[in-house]
C-alpha atoms as a PDB file:
ATOM      1  CA  MET A   1     142.126  86.948  -3.204  1.00  0.00           C
ATOM      2  CA  GLY A   2     138.509  87.159  -5.491  1.00  0.00           C
ATOM      3  CA  LYS A   3     139.144  90.799  -5.970  1.00  0.00           C
ATOM      4  CA  ALA A   4     142.510  90.331  -7.223  1.00  0.00           C
ATOM      5  CA  ILE A   5     141.447  87.750 -10.252  1.00  0.00           C
ATOM      6  CA  GLY A   6     138.654  90.315 -11.062  1.00  0.00           C
ATOM      7  CA  ASP A   7     140.633  93.037 -10.947  1.00  0.00           C
ATOM      8  CA  THR A   8     143.563  91.379 -13.175  1.00  0.00           C
ATOM      9  CA  LEU A   9     141.165  89.224 -15.522  1.00  0.00           C
ATOM     10  CA  PRO A  10     140.602  91.778 -18.293  1.00  0.00           C
ATOM     11  CA  LEU A  11     144.428  92.235 -17.980  1.00  0.00           C
ATOM     12  CA  ALA A  12     145.383  89.008 -18.084  1.00  0.00           C
ATOM     13  CA  LEU A  13     142.826  88.418 -21.465  1.00  0.00           C
ATOM     14  CA  GLY A  14     145.159  91.145 -22.682  1.00  0.00           C
ATOM     15  CA  VAL A  15     148.037  89.355 -22.686  1.00  0.00           C
ATOM     16  CA  ALA A  16     146.503  86.041 -24.081  1.00  0.00           C
ATOM     17  CA  ILE A  17     145.003  88.442 -27.090  1.00  0.00           C
ATOM     18  CA  SER A  18     148.195  88.564 -28.984  1.00  0.00           C
ATOM     19  CA  PRO A  19     148.113  87.989 -32.527  1.00  0.00           C
ATOM     20  CA  VAL A  20     151.933  87.744 -33.354  1.00  0.00           C
ATOM     21  CA  PRO A  21     152.849  85.024 -30.325  1.00  0.00           C
ATOM     22  CA  ILE A  22     149.892  82.776 -31.624  1.00  0.00           C
ATOM     23  CA  ILE A  23     150.935  82.827 -35.173  1.00  0.00           C
ATOM     24  CA  ALA A  24     154.622  82.268 -34.166  1.00  0.00           C
ATOM     25  CA  VAL A  25     153.860  79.362 -32.305  1.00  0.00           C
ATOM     26  CA  VAL A  26     151.361  78.127 -35.211  1.00  0.00           C
ATOM     27  CA  LEU A  27     154.169  78.175 -37.608  1.00  0.00           C
ATOM     28  CA  MET A  28     156.384  76.667 -35.080  1.00  0.00           C
ATOM     29  CA  LEU A  29     153.988  73.857 -35.173  1.00  0.00           C
ATOM     30  CA  GLY A  30     154.363  73.593 -38.590  1.00  0.00           C
ATOM     31  CA  THR A  31     158.056  72.783 -38.758  1.00  0.00           C
ATOM     32  CA  PRO A  32     160.153  69.709 -38.911  1.00  0.00           C
ATOM     33  CA  GLN A  33     161.074  69.961 -34.739  1.00  0.00           C
ATOM     34  CA  ALA A  34     157.320  71.014 -34.257  1.00  0.00           C
ATOM     35  CA  ARG A  35     157.468  69.281 -30.807  1.00  0.00           C
ATOM     36  CA  ALA A  36     160.437  70.207 -29.437  1.00  0.00           C
ATOM     37  CA  ASN A  37     159.827  74.120 -30.629  1.00  0.00           C
ATOM     38  CA  GLY A  38     156.563  74.357 -29.473  1.00  0.00           C
ATOM     39  CA  ILE A  39     157.199  73.441 -25.999  1.00  0.00           C
ATOM     40  CA  ALA A  40     159.969  75.326 -25.683  1.00  0.00           C
ATOM     41  CA  PHE A  41     158.170  78.530 -26.726  1.00  0.00           C
ATOM     42  CA  ALA A  42     155.541  77.803 -24.561  1.00  0.00           C
ATOM     43  CA  ALA A  43     157.808  77.235 -21.789  1.00  0.00           C
ATOM     44  CA  GLY A  44     159.330  80.446 -22.725  1.00  0.00           C
ATOM     45  CA  TRP A  45     156.323  82.645 -22.833  1.00  0.00           C
ATOM     46  CA  VAL A  46     155.111  81.035 -19.085  1.00  0.00           C
ATOM     47  CA  VAL A  47     158.310  81.688 -17.783  1.00  0.00           C
ATOM     48  CA  GLY A  48     159.083  84.983 -19.050  1.00  0.00           C
ATOM     49  CA  LEU A  49     155.385  86.080 -18.059  1.00  0.00           C
ATOM     50  CA  ALA A  50     155.559  84.705 -14.908  1.00  0.00           C
ATOM     51  CA  ALA A  51     159.567  86.389 -13.749  1.00  0.00           C
ATOM     52  CA  GLY A  52     157.973  89.754 -15.032  1.00  0.00           C
ATOM     53  CA  GLY A  53     154.899  89.678 -12.757  1.00  0.00           C
ATOM     54  CA  ALA A  54     156.643  88.204  -9.646  1.00  0.00           C
ATOM     55  CA  ILE A  55     159.617  91.562 -10.369  1.00  0.00           C
ATOM     56  CA  MET A  56     156.766  93.567 -10.304  1.00  0.00           C
ATOM     57  CA  LEU A  57     154.654  92.278  -7.755  1.00  0.00           C
ATOM     58  CA  ALA A  58     157.743  92.731  -5.356  1.00  0.00           C
ATOM     59  CA  ILE A  59     158.133  96.036  -6.183  1.00  0.00           C
ATOM     60  CA  ALA A  60     154.414  96.841  -5.955  1.00  0.00           C
ATOM     61  CA  SER A  61     153.554  94.498  -2.810  1.00  0.00           C
ATOM     62  CA  GLY A  62     153.258  96.711   0.646  1.00  0.00           C
ATOM     63  CA  ASN A  63     153.674  99.762  -1.508  1.00  0.00           C
ATOM     64  CA  ALA A  64     150.375  99.980  -3.342  1.00  0.00           C
ATOM     65  CA  THR A  65     148.557 101.036   0.102  1.00  0.00           C
ATOM     66  CA  SER A  66     149.022 103.494   2.781  1.00  0.00           C
ATOM     67  CA  GLY A  67     149.130 102.530   6.114  1.00  0.00           C
ATOM     68  CA  THR A  68     145.153 103.533   6.524  1.00  0.00           C
ATOM     69  CA  GLY A  69     144.715 100.926   4.002  1.00  0.00           C
ATOM     70  CA  GLU A  70     143.403 103.440   1.437  1.00  0.00           C
ATOM     71  CA  PRO A  71     145.158 102.949  -2.294  1.00  0.00           C
ATOM     72  CA  GLU A  72     148.497 105.304  -2.599  1.00  0.00           C
ATOM     73  CA  THR A  73     148.040 107.798  -5.556  1.00  0.00           C
ATOM     74  CA  TRP A  74     150.551 106.777  -7.410  1.00  0.00           C
ATOM     75  CA  VAL A  75     148.870 103.346  -8.185  1.00  0.00           C
ATOM     76  CA  ASP A  76     146.216 105.497 -10.112  1.00  0.00           C
ATOM     77  CA  VAL A  77     148.414 107.827 -11.678  1.00  0.00           C
ATOM     78  CA  LEU A  78     149.958 104.767 -13.299  1.00  0.00           C
ATOM     79  CA  LYS A  79     147.019 103.132 -14.401  1.00  0.00           C
ATOM     80  CA  LEU A  80     146.157 106.527 -16.303  1.00  0.00           C
ATOM     81  CA  VAL A  81     149.170 106.570 -17.822  1.00  0.00           C
ATOM     82  CA  LEU A  82     148.806 102.937 -18.962  1.00  0.00           C
ATOM     83  CA  GLY A  83     145.165 103.753 -20.053  1.00  0.00           C
ATOM     84  CA  LEU A  84     146.274 106.912 -21.953  1.00  0.00           C
ATOM     85  CA  LEU A  85     149.208 104.825 -23.392  1.00  0.00           C
ATOM     86  CA  PHE A  86     146.684 102.347 -24.629  1.00  0.00           C
ATOM     87  CA  LEU A  87     144.354 104.503 -26.168  1.00  0.00           C
ATOM     88  CA  ALA A  88     147.470 105.985 -28.676  1.00  0.00           C
ATOM     89  CA  ILE A  89     148.674 102.844 -29.273  1.00  0.00           C
ATOM     90  CA  ALA A  90     145.103 101.590 -30.657  1.00  0.00           C
ATOM     91  CA  ALA A  91     144.777 104.986 -32.510  1.00  0.00           C
ATOM     92  CA  LYS A  92     148.400 104.251 -34.262  1.00  0.00           C
ATOM     93  CA  GLN A  93     147.041 100.367 -35.164  1.00  0.00           C
ATOM     94  CA  TRP A  94     144.244 101.547 -36.637  1.00  0.00           C
ATOM     95  CA  ARG A  95     146.028 104.461 -38.659  1.00  0.00           C
ATOM     96  CA  THR A  96     148.530 101.864 -39.771  1.00  0.00           C
ATOM     97  CA  ARG A  97     146.034  98.692 -41.058  1.00  0.00           C
ATOM     98  CA  PRO A  98     146.658  97.354 -44.203  1.00  0.00           C
ATOM     99  CA  GLN A  99     144.596  98.805 -47.149  1.00  0.00           C
ATOM    100  CA  ALA A 100     141.599  96.283 -48.296  1.00  0.00           C
ATOM    101  CA  GLY A 101     143.135  93.616 -50.222  1.00  0.00           C
ATOM    102  CA  HIS A 102     146.715  93.730 -48.810  1.00  0.00           C
ATOM    103  CA  ASP A 103     148.234  91.571 -46.494  1.00  0.00           C
ATOM    104  CA  ALA A 104     149.256  92.599 -42.565  1.00  0.00           C
ATOM    105  CA  ALA A 105     153.672  92.695 -42.360  1.00  0.00           C
ATOM    106  CA  MET A 106     154.854  90.015 -39.957  1.00  0.00           C
ATOM    107  CA  PRO A 107     157.989  90.596 -38.052  1.00  0.00           C
ATOM    108  CA  LYS A 108     160.640  89.706 -40.220  1.00  0.00           C
ATOM    109  CA  TRP A 109     162.211  87.438 -38.079  1.00  0.00           C
ATOM    110  CA  MET A 110     158.922  84.703 -38.276  1.00  0.00           C
ATOM    111  CA  ARG A 111     160.355  84.154 -41.721  1.00  0.00           C
ATOM    112  CA  ALA A 112     163.226  82.005 -40.440  1.00  0.00           C
ATOM    113  CA  ILE A 113     160.799  79.898 -37.926  1.00  0.00           C
ATOM    114  CA  ASP A 114     161.989  76.829 -40.030  1.00  0.00           C
ATOM    115  CA  THR A 115     165.670  77.261 -39.157  1.00  0.00           C
ATOM    116  CA  PHE A 116     164.649  77.598 -35.066  1.00  0.00           C
ATOM    117  CA  THR A 117     165.940  75.216 -32.531  1.00  0.00           C
ATOM    118  CA  ALA A 118     164.406  74.288 -29.168  1.00  0.00           C
ATOM    119  CA  GLY A 119     166.571  77.214 -27.494  1.00  0.00           C
ATOM    120  CA  LYS A 120     166.048  80.049 -30.130  1.00  0.00           C
ATOM    121  CA  SER A 121     161.929  78.971 -29.871  1.00  0.00           C
ATOM    122  CA  LEU A 122     162.236  79.160 -25.684  1.00  0.00           C
ATOM    123  CA  GLY A 123     164.017  82.464 -26.156  1.00  0.00           C
ATOM    124  CA  ALA A 124     161.407  83.877 -28.591  1.00  0.00           C
ATOM    125  CA  GLY A 125     158.644  83.026 -25.914  1.00  0.00           C
ATOM    126  CA  LEU A 126     160.670  84.756 -23.176  1.00  0.00           C
ATOM    127  CA  VAL A 127     161.126  87.756 -25.239  1.00  0.00           C
ATOM    128  CA  LEU A 128     157.562  88.196 -26.495  1.00  0.00           C
ATOM    129  CA  SER A 129     155.790  87.357 -23.320  1.00  0.00           C
ATOM    130  CA  GLY A 130     157.979  89.189 -20.680  1.00  0.00           C
ATOM    131  CA  LEU A 131     159.725  92.094 -22.624  1.00  0.00           C
ATOM    132  CA  ASN A 132     156.951  92.873 -25.169  1.00  0.00           C
ATOM    133  CA  PRO A 133     155.632  96.422 -24.122  1.00  0.00           C
ATOM    134  CA  LYS A 134     152.037  95.391 -24.118  1.00  0.00           C
ATOM    135  CA  ASN A 135     152.487  92.821 -21.847  1.00  0.00           C
ATOM    136  CA  LEU A 136     155.034  94.326 -19.784  1.00  0.00           C
ATOM    137  CA  ALA A 137     152.332  97.229 -19.079  1.00  0.00           C
ATOM    138  CA  LEU A 138     149.804  94.864 -18.462  1.00  0.00           C
ATOM    139  CA  THR A 139     152.263  93.058 -15.788  1.00  0.00           C
ATOM    140  CA  VAL A 140     152.723  96.176 -14.613  1.00  0.00           C
ATOM    141  CA  ALA A 141     148.979  97.131 -14.059  1.00  0.00           C
ATOM    142  CA  ALA A 142     147.997  93.528 -12.814  1.00  0.00           C
ATOM    143  CA  ALA A 143     150.571  93.204 -10.455  1.00  0.00           C
ATOM    144  CA  ALA A 144     149.797  97.151  -9.247  1.00  0.00           C
ATOM    145  CA  ALA A 145     146.161  95.874  -8.765  1.00  0.00           C
ATOM    146  CA  ILE A 146     147.042  92.858  -6.898  1.00  0.00           C
ATOM    147  CA  ALA A 147     148.990  94.828  -4.259  1.00  0.00           C
ATOM    148  CA  GLN A 148     146.605  97.215  -3.836  1.00  0.00           C
ATOM    149  CA  THR A 149     144.257  94.310  -2.137  1.00  0.00           C
ATOM    150  CA  GLU A 150     146.482  93.977   0.437  1.00  0.00           C
ATOM    151  CA  ILE A 151     145.679  90.465   0.533  1.00  0.00           C
ATOM    152  CA  SER A 152     148.750  87.525   1.809  1.00  0.00           C
ATOM    153  CA  THR A 153     151.906  87.153  -0.018  1.00  0.00           C
ATOM    154  CA  GLY A 154     150.832  83.811  -0.722  1.00  0.00           C
ATOM    155  CA  SER A 155     147.432  85.003  -2.134  1.00  0.00           C
ATOM    156  CA  GLU A 156     149.171  87.441  -4.256  1.00  0.00           C
ATOM    157  CA  ALA A 157     151.059  84.646  -5.399  1.00  0.00           C
ATOM    158  CA  GLY A 158     148.033  82.783  -6.225  1.00  0.00           C
ATOM    159  CA  ALA A 159     146.732  85.571  -8.122  1.00  0.00           C
ATOM    160  CA  LEU A 160     149.760  86.041 -10.090  1.00  0.00           C
ATOM    161  CA  ALA A 161     149.679  82.515 -11.194  1.00  0.00           C
ATOM    162  CA  ILE A 162     146.133  82.555 -12.144  1.00  0.00           C
ATOM    163  CA  TYR A 163     147.214  85.669 -13.923  1.00  0.00           C
ATOM    164  CA  VAL A 164     150.110  83.815 -15.804  1.00  0.00           C
ATOM    165  CA  PHE A 165     147.727  80.948 -16.695  1.00  0.00           C
ATOM    166  CA  ILE A 166     145.062  82.949 -18.267  1.00  0.00           C
ATOM    167  CA  GLY A 167     147.683  85.059 -19.976  1.00  0.00           C
ATOM    168  CA  SER A 168     149.458  81.909 -21.295  1.00  0.00           C
ATOM    169  CA  LEU A 169     146.026  79.982 -22.758  1.00  0.00           C
ATOM    170  CA  THR A 170     146.277  81.036 -26.065  1.00  0.00           C
ATOM    171  CA  ILE A 171     150.126  79.923 -26.127  1.00  0.00           C
ATOM    172  CA  LEU A 172     149.717  76.576 -24.799  1.00  0.00           C
ATOM    173  CA  THR A 173     146.272  75.431 -26.663  1.00  0.00           C
ATOM    174  CA  PRO A 174     147.832  75.192 -29.604  1.00  0.00           C
ATOM    175  CA  VAL A 175     150.474  73.436 -28.281  1.00  0.00           C
ATOM    176  CA  VAL A 176     148.295  70.824 -26.425  1.00  0.00           C
ATOM    177  CA  LEU A 177     146.302  70.573 -29.521  1.00  0.00           C
ATOM    178  CA  TYR A 178     149.496  69.776 -31.472  1.00  0.00           C
ATOM    179  CA  LEU A 179     150.708  67.199 -28.818  1.00  0.00           C
ATOM    180  CA  ALA A 180     147.269  65.193 -28.687  1.00  0.00           C
ATOM    181  CA  LEU A 181     146.201  65.723 -32.536  1.00  0.00           C
ATOM    182  CA  GLY A 182     149.710  65.563 -34.259  1.00  0.00           C
ATOM    183  CA  PRO A 183     149.301  66.778 -37.863  1.00  0.00           C
ATOM    184  CA  LYS A 184     145.550  66.662 -37.881  1.00  0.00           C
ATOM    185  CA  ALA A 185     145.868  69.642 -35.530  1.00  0.00           C
ATOM    186  CA  GLU A 186     147.597  71.425 -38.587  1.00  0.00           C
ATOM    187  CA  ARG A 187     144.278  72.536 -40.471  1.00  0.00           C
ATOM    188  CA  LEU A 188     142.363  74.067 -37.063  1.00  0.00           C
ATOM    189  CA  LEU A 189     145.826  76.042 -36.156  1.00  0.00           C
ATOM    190  CA  GLY A 190     146.357  77.118 -39.747  1.00  0.00           C
ATOM    191  CA  GLY A 191     142.983  78.544 -40.223  1.00  0.00           C
ATOM    192  CA  VAL A 192     143.602  80.532 -36.878  1.00  0.00           C
ATOM    193  CA  LYS A 193     146.795  81.773 -37.676  1.00  0.00           C
ATOM    194  CA  THR A 194     145.042  83.173 -41.096  1.00  0.00           C
ATOM    195  CA  TRP A 195     142.580  84.657 -39.294  1.00  0.00           C
ATOM    196  CA  MET A 196     144.706  86.686 -36.785  1.00  0.00           C
ATOM    197  CA  ALA A 197     147.055  87.504 -39.487  1.00  0.00           C
ATOM    198  CA  ALA A 198     144.208  88.838 -41.462  1.00  0.00           C
ATOM    199  CA  HIS A 199     142.596  90.749 -38.625  1.00  0.00           C
ATOM    200  CA  ASN A 200     145.822  91.636 -36.225  1.00  0.00           C
ATOM    201  CA  ALA A 201     145.175  95.407 -36.517  1.00  0.00           C
ATOM    202  CA  ALA A 202     141.742  95.585 -35.781  1.00  0.00           C
ATOM    203  CA  ILE A 203     142.069  93.016 -32.990  1.00  0.00           C
ATOM    204  CA  MET A 204     144.705  95.279 -31.432  1.00  0.00           C
ATOM    205  CA  THR A 205     142.843  98.552 -31.922  1.00  0.00           C
ATOM    206  CA  VAL A 206     140.064  96.817 -30.174  1.00  0.00           C
ATOM    207  CA  LEU A 207     141.780  95.039 -27.344  1.00  0.00           C
ATOM    208  CA  MET A 208     143.995  98.557 -26.656  1.00  0.00           C
ATOM    209  CA  LEU A 209     140.459 100.630 -26.754  1.00  0.00           C
ATOM    210  CA  VAL A 210     138.860  98.163 -24.025  1.00  0.00           C
ATOM    211  CA  LEU A 211     142.336  98.145 -21.839  1.00  0.00           C
ATOM    212  CA  GLY A 212     142.659 101.592 -21.903  1.00  0.00           C
ATOM    213  CA  ALA A 213     139.320 102.571 -20.918  1.00  0.00           C
ATOM    214  CA  LYS A 214     138.997  99.928 -18.176  1.00  0.00           C
ATOM    215  CA  LEU A 215     141.964 101.582 -16.856  1.00  0.00           C
ATOM    216  CA  ILE A 216     141.130 105.121 -16.906  1.00  0.00           C
ATOM    217  CA  GLY A 217     138.266 104.329 -15.422  1.00  0.00           C
ATOM    218  CA  ASP A 218     139.429 102.500 -12.510  1.00  0.00           C
ATOM    219  CA  ALA A 219     141.854 105.609 -12.318  1.00  0.00           C
ATOM    220  CA  ILE A 220     139.027 108.090 -12.076  1.00  0.00           C
ATOM    221  CA  GLY A 221     137.466 105.755  -9.430  1.00  0.00           C
ATOM    222  CA  GLY A 222     140.545 105.658  -7.302  1.00  0.00           C
ATOM    223  CA  PHE A 223     140.899 109.925  -7.564  1.00  0.00           C
ATOM    224  CA  SER A 224     137.245 109.815  -6.476  1.00  0.00           C
ATOM    225  CA  SER A 225     137.157 107.657  -3.924  1.00  0.00           C
END
């Protein structure tokens, strides 16, 4: 199980470092329905990530290794493709970054966060964690990495749970801070939101470069073994 956790840890951190969802949850915590919407968004995020991971793991489990215990070639091909995709995303993020002195454009739906109900907040969390292309790709890679270790079903579930927990920390933490400190947390969270919005392109570029390099390196290692 330790190897599965180690292999998926960088991928879980890639999920956790998601500026747009972090900004979204901080904005929700500044609305009149902060408590209900913040909790609903965090719940949707965890459920969406866990459901996506469970589905991917069910598909990969038992199919990631051959009868001799060696990793199947398709897993390394998948890692290579995802790694190259992340490098392409990094290049796009850098090319389309805002020019100096200009604010980064946020998704239009964020302008309506003040009107969100708990149901809409739950749905937003589900979509941003489970259907976001970056998170989906990382979850596919994580499920394949867990399946490759050939651990028991219970250990696979444990490794996936840790992946989901780490991937959710940056969403859960603002909600916990708000529940603990109330309005006193708004200044701290507001500073985080401002910084993330200003550096979104740089954060995503570096993140995609690191994850892309990791996946490509894992794939090359798998091909040569």
